Amino acid sequence: MDVTAKEAFRLGFLARCAEEGLTGEPLNARIKNAAEKQSWIIPALGLGATAVGGLALARGGVRDLASGAGVMAGLIPAGGLLAGAGLGYGAAKMTEPNITDSDIKAQELADTYRIYAEKAKANRRARQYRVARQ
């Protein structure tokens, strides 16, 4: 069974909640709290990278700033990529058409009837052509 890292984290989170015996409202509160923490992780990474750069500059000058700049140079684009991916996914979900199975079945049925009607018209024209030639 292949489990992604995200699924493994969720399983571990729920296993931990089960070990603690959480049910009902306490479990919902813990899940909500975890979701809220997840929503501010990306801005915190950018702020942390800036803090690392400032600390390196204050502690050791330009040489340590170069190592802090490497961290910032990696985290800031990564945060931008993650934010862009999240926005793209959200936009795709918002603009996704709301199509049900019954809509698809109705469209296929209409297409089938249209094809049968075209075949019937073609057969009628062919018969009329044969009669006119004789």
C-alpha atoms as a PDB file:
ATOM      1  CA  MET A   1       0.000   0.000   0.000  1.00  0.00           C
ATOM      2  CA  ASP A   2       1.590   3.278  -1.112  1.00  0.00           C
ATOM      3  CA  VAL A   3       1.049   6.115   1.323  1.00  0.00           C
ATOM      4  CA  THR A   4       2.085   9.663   0.512  1.00  0.00           C
ATOM      5  CA  ALA A   5       3.790  11.821   3.101  1.00  0.00           C
ATOM      6  CA  LYS A   6       0.625  13.892   3.563  1.00  0.00           C
ATOM      7  CA  GLU A   7      -1.512  10.788   4.120  1.00  0.00           C
ATOM      8  CA  ALA A   8       1.063   9.385   6.544  1.00  0.00           C
ATOM      9  CA  PHE A   9       0.991  12.642   8.518  1.00  0.00           C
ATOM     10  CA  ARG A  10      -2.803  12.560   8.671  1.00  0.00           C
ATOM     11  CA  LEU A  11      -2.777   8.929   9.809  1.00  0.00           C
ATOM     12  CA  GLY A  12      -0.239   9.742  12.507  1.00  0.00           C
ATOM     13  CA  PHE A  13      -2.265  12.757  13.625  1.00  0.00           C
ATOM     14  CA  LEU A  14      -5.449  10.703  13.905  1.00  0.00           C
ATOM     15  CA  ALA A  15      -3.596   7.837  15.623  1.00  0.00           C
ATOM     16  CA  ARG A  16      -2.274  10.292  18.205  1.00  0.00           C
ATOM     17  CA  CYS A  17      -5.792  11.636  18.774  1.00  0.00           C
ATOM     18  CA  ALA A  18      -7.052   8.054  19.207  1.00  0.00           C
ATOM     19  CA  GLU A  19      -4.270   7.301  21.737  1.00  0.00           C
ATOM     20  CA  GLU A  20      -5.357  10.319  23.758  1.00  0.00           C
ATOM     21  CA  GLY A  21      -8.981   9.143  23.543  1.00  0.00           C
ATOM     22  CA  LEU A  22     -10.261  12.296  21.866  1.00  0.00           C
ATOM     23  CA  THR A  23     -13.788  12.116  20.485  1.00  0.00           C
ATOM     24  CA  GLY A  24     -16.548  14.527  19.589  1.00  0.00           C
ATOM     25  CA  GLU A  25     -15.979  18.202  20.293  1.00  0.00           C
ATOM     26  CA  PRO A  26     -12.377  17.918  21.647  1.00  0.00           C
ATOM     27  CA  LEU A  27     -11.368  16.055  18.459  1.00  0.00           C
ATOM     28  CA  ASN A  28     -13.042  18.677  16.254  1.00  0.00           C
ATOM     29  CA  ALA A  29     -11.297  21.451  18.190  1.00  0.00           C
ATOM     30  CA  ARG A  30      -7.897  19.776  17.723  1.00  0.00           C
ATOM     31  CA  ILE A  31      -8.486  19.308  13.971  1.00  0.00           C
ATOM     32  CA  LYS A  32      -9.624  22.928  13.623  1.00  0.00           C
ATOM     33  CA  ASN A  33      -6.580  24.125  15.571  1.00  0.00           C
ATOM     34  CA  ALA A  34      -4.271  22.103  13.304  1.00  0.00           C
ATOM     35  CA  ALA A  35      -5.938  23.536  10.179  1.00  0.00           C
ATOM     36  CA  GLU A  36      -5.504  27.089  11.516  1.00  0.00           C
ATOM     37  CA  LYS A  37      -1.818  26.443  12.217  1.00  0.00           C
ATOM     38  CA  GLN A  38      -1.371  25.112   8.690  1.00  0.00           C
ATOM     39  CA  SER A  39      -2.808  28.325   7.218  1.00  0.00           C
ATOM     40  CA  TRP A  40      -0.074  30.526   8.702  1.00  0.00           C
ATOM     41  CA  ILE A  41       2.962  28.288   8.102  1.00  0.00           C
ATOM     42  CA  ILE A  42       3.935  29.822   4.720  1.00  0.00           C
ATOM     43  CA  PRO A  43       4.017  33.460   5.967  1.00  0.00           C
ATOM     44  CA  ALA A  44       5.907  32.276   9.049  1.00  0.00           C
ATOM     45  CA  LEU A  45       8.558  30.671   6.835  1.00  0.00           C
ATOM     46  CA  GLY A  46       9.175  33.979   5.069  1.00  0.00           C
ATOM     47  CA  LEU A  47       9.317  35.817   8.387  1.00  0.00           C
ATOM     48  CA  GLY A  48      11.684  33.180   9.782  1.00  0.00           C
ATOM     49  CA  ALA A  49      13.997  33.527   6.789  1.00  0.00           C
ATOM     50  CA  THR A  50      14.105  37.290   7.288  1.00  0.00           C
ATOM     51  CA  ALA A  51      14.858  36.804  10.981  1.00  0.00           C
ATOM     52  CA  VAL A  52      17.683  34.385  10.166  1.00  0.00           C
ATOM     53  CA  GLY A  53      19.198  36.964   7.818  1.00  0.00           C
ATOM     54  CA  GLY A  54      18.935  39.738  10.408  1.00  0.00           C
ATOM     55  CA  LEU A  55      20.421  37.547  13.131  1.00  0.00           C
ATOM     56  CA  ALA A  56      23.302  36.517  10.884  1.00  0.00           C
ATOM     57  CA  LEU A  57      24.048  40.139  10.048  1.00  0.00           C
ATOM     58  CA  ALA A  58      23.972  41.164  13.717  1.00  0.00           C
ATOM     59  CA  ARG A  59      26.051  38.192  14.866  1.00  0.00           C
ATOM     60  CA  GLY A  60      28.757  37.690  12.329  1.00  0.00           C
ATOM     61  CA  GLY A  61      28.621  40.283   9.622  1.00  0.00           C
ATOM     62  CA  VAL A  62      28.583  39.739   5.888  1.00  0.00           C
ATOM     63  CA  ARG A  63      29.971  36.183   5.877  1.00  0.00           C
ATOM     64  CA  ASP A  64      27.159  34.802   8.049  1.00  0.00           C
ATOM     65  CA  LEU A  65      24.680  36.926   6.126  1.00  0.00           C
ATOM     66  CA  ALA A  66      25.650  35.011   2.986  1.00  0.00           C
ATOM     67  CA  SER A  67      24.544  31.750   4.610  1.00  0.00           C
ATOM     68  CA  GLY A  68      21.333  33.411   5.830  1.00  0.00           C
ATOM     69  CA  ALA A  69      20.779  34.837   2.359  1.00  0.00           C
ATOM     70  CA  GLY A  70      21.033  31.329   0.974  1.00  0.00           C
ATOM     71  CA  VAL A  71      18.263  30.246   3.313  1.00  0.00           C
ATOM     72  CA  MET A  72      16.129  33.253   2.351  1.00  0.00           C
ATOM     73  CA  ALA A  73      16.885  32.741  -1.322  1.00  0.00           C
ATOM     74  CA  GLY A  74      15.551  29.207  -1.027  1.00  0.00           C
ATOM     75  CA  LEU A  75      12.556  29.778   1.241  1.00  0.00           C
ATOM     76  CA  ILE A  76      11.089  32.863  -0.394  1.00  0.00           C
ATOM     77  CA  PRO A  77      10.732  31.316  -3.892  1.00  0.00           C
ATOM     78  CA  ALA A  78       9.496  28.081  -2.324  1.00  0.00           C
ATOM     79  CA  GLY A  79       6.835  30.018  -0.441  1.00  0.00           C
ATOM     80  CA  GLY A  80       5.882  31.829  -3.642  1.00  0.00           C
ATOM     81  CA  LEU A  81       5.600  28.543  -5.517  1.00  0.00           C
ATOM     82  CA  LEU A  82       3.439  27.028  -2.796  1.00  0.00           C
ATOM     83  CA  ALA A  83       1.217  30.106  -2.630  1.00  0.00           C
ATOM     84  CA  GLY A  84       0.865  30.119  -6.430  1.00  0.00           C
ATOM     85  CA  ALA A  85       0.009  26.438  -6.454  1.00  0.00           C
ATOM     86  CA  GLY A  86      -2.601  26.978  -3.761  1.00  0.00           C
ATOM     87  CA  LEU A  87      -4.151  29.914  -5.593  1.00  0.00           C
ATOM     88  CA  GLY A  88      -4.187  27.988  -8.866  1.00  0.00           C
ATOM     89  CA  TYR A  89      -5.850  25.002  -7.234  1.00  0.00           C
ATOM     90  CA  GLY A  90      -8.442  27.252  -5.584  1.00  0.00           C
ATOM     91  CA  ALA A  91      -9.181  29.047  -8.851  1.00  0.00           C
ATOM     92  CA  ALA A  92      -9.574  25.731 -10.643  1.00  0.00           C
ATOM     93  CA  LYS A  93     -12.005  24.488  -8.000  1.00  0.00           C
ATOM     94  CA  MET A  94     -14.019  27.722  -8.131  1.00  0.00           C
ATOM     95  CA  THR A  95     -14.364  27.694 -11.920  1.00  0.00           C
ATOM     96  CA  GLU A  96     -15.010  23.964 -12.190  1.00  0.00           C
ATOM     97  CA  PRO A  97     -18.437  23.357 -13.749  1.00  0.00           C
ATOM     98  CA  ASN A  98     -21.013  21.640 -11.587  1.00  0.00           C
ATOM     99  CA  ILE A  99     -21.861  18.643 -13.794  1.00  0.00           C
ATOM    100  CA  THR A 100     -23.672  15.603 -12.430  1.00  0.00           C
ATOM    101  CA  ASP A 101     -23.909  12.066 -13.791  1.00  0.00           C
ATOM    102  CA  SER A 102     -27.491  12.671 -14.881  1.00  0.00           C
ATOM    103  CA  ASP A 103     -26.360  15.696 -16.947  1.00  0.00           C
ATOM    104  CA  ILE A 104     -23.790  13.559 -18.745  1.00  0.00           C
ATOM    105  CA  LYS A 105     -26.320  10.783 -19.385  1.00  0.00           C
ATOM    106  CA  ALA A 106     -28.851  13.273 -20.765  1.00  0.00           C
ATOM    107  CA  GLN A 107     -26.227  14.771 -23.096  1.00  0.00           C
ATOM    108  CA  GLU A 108     -25.179  11.330 -24.375  1.00  0.00           C
ATOM    109  CA  LEU A 109     -28.828  10.384 -24.956  1.00  0.00           C
ATOM    110  CA  ALA A 110     -29.439  13.614 -26.883  1.00  0.00           C
ATOM    111  CA  ASP A 111     -26.330  12.985 -29.010  1.00  0.00           C
ATOM    112  CA  THR A 112     -27.489   9.431 -29.764  1.00  0.00           C
ATOM    113  CA  TYR A 113     -30.950  10.639 -30.837  1.00  0.00           C
ATOM    114  CA  ARG A 114     -29.327  13.313 -33.023  1.00  0.00           C
ATOM    115  CA  ILE A 115     -27.200  10.660 -34.762  1.00  0.00           C
ATOM    116  CA  TYR A 116     -30.252   8.424 -35.347  1.00  0.00           C
ATOM    117  CA  ALA A 117     -32.194  11.396 -36.784  1.00  0.00           C
ATOM    118  CA  GLU A 118     -29.344  12.207 -39.190  1.00  0.00           C
ATOM    119  CA  LYS A 119     -29.211   8.567 -40.338  1.00  0.00           C
ATOM    120  CA  ALA A 120     -32.983   8.523 -40.907  1.00  0.00           C
ATOM    121  CA  LYS A 121     -32.775  11.741 -42.969  1.00  0.00           C
ATOM    122  CA  ALA A 122     -29.920  10.324 -45.052  1.00  0.00           C
ATOM    123  CA  ASN A 123     -31.856   7.089 -45.704  1.00  0.00           C
ATOM    124  CA  ARG A 124     -34.978   9.056 -46.729  1.00  0.00           C
ATOM    125  CA  ARG A 125     -32.966  11.229 -49.147  1.00  0.00           C
ATOM    126  CA  ALA A 126     -31.354   8.117 -50.632  1.00  0.00           C
ATOM    127  CA  ARG A 127     -34.774   6.481 -51.196  1.00  0.00           C
ATOM    128  CA  GLN A 128     -36.152   9.655 -52.768  1.00  0.00           C
ATOM    129  CA  TYR A 129     -33.126   9.858 -55.053  1.00  0.00           C
ATOM    130  CA  ARG A 130     -33.559   6.231 -56.176  1.00  0.00           C
ATOM    131  CA  VAL A 131     -37.276   6.751 -56.885  1.00  0.00           C
ATOM    132  CA  ALA A 132     -36.563   9.958 -58.832  1.00  0.00           C
ATOM    133  CA  ARG A 133     -33.940   8.216 -61.021  1.00  0.00           C
ATOM    134  CA  GLN A 134     -36.272   5.405 -62.061  1.00  0.00           C
END
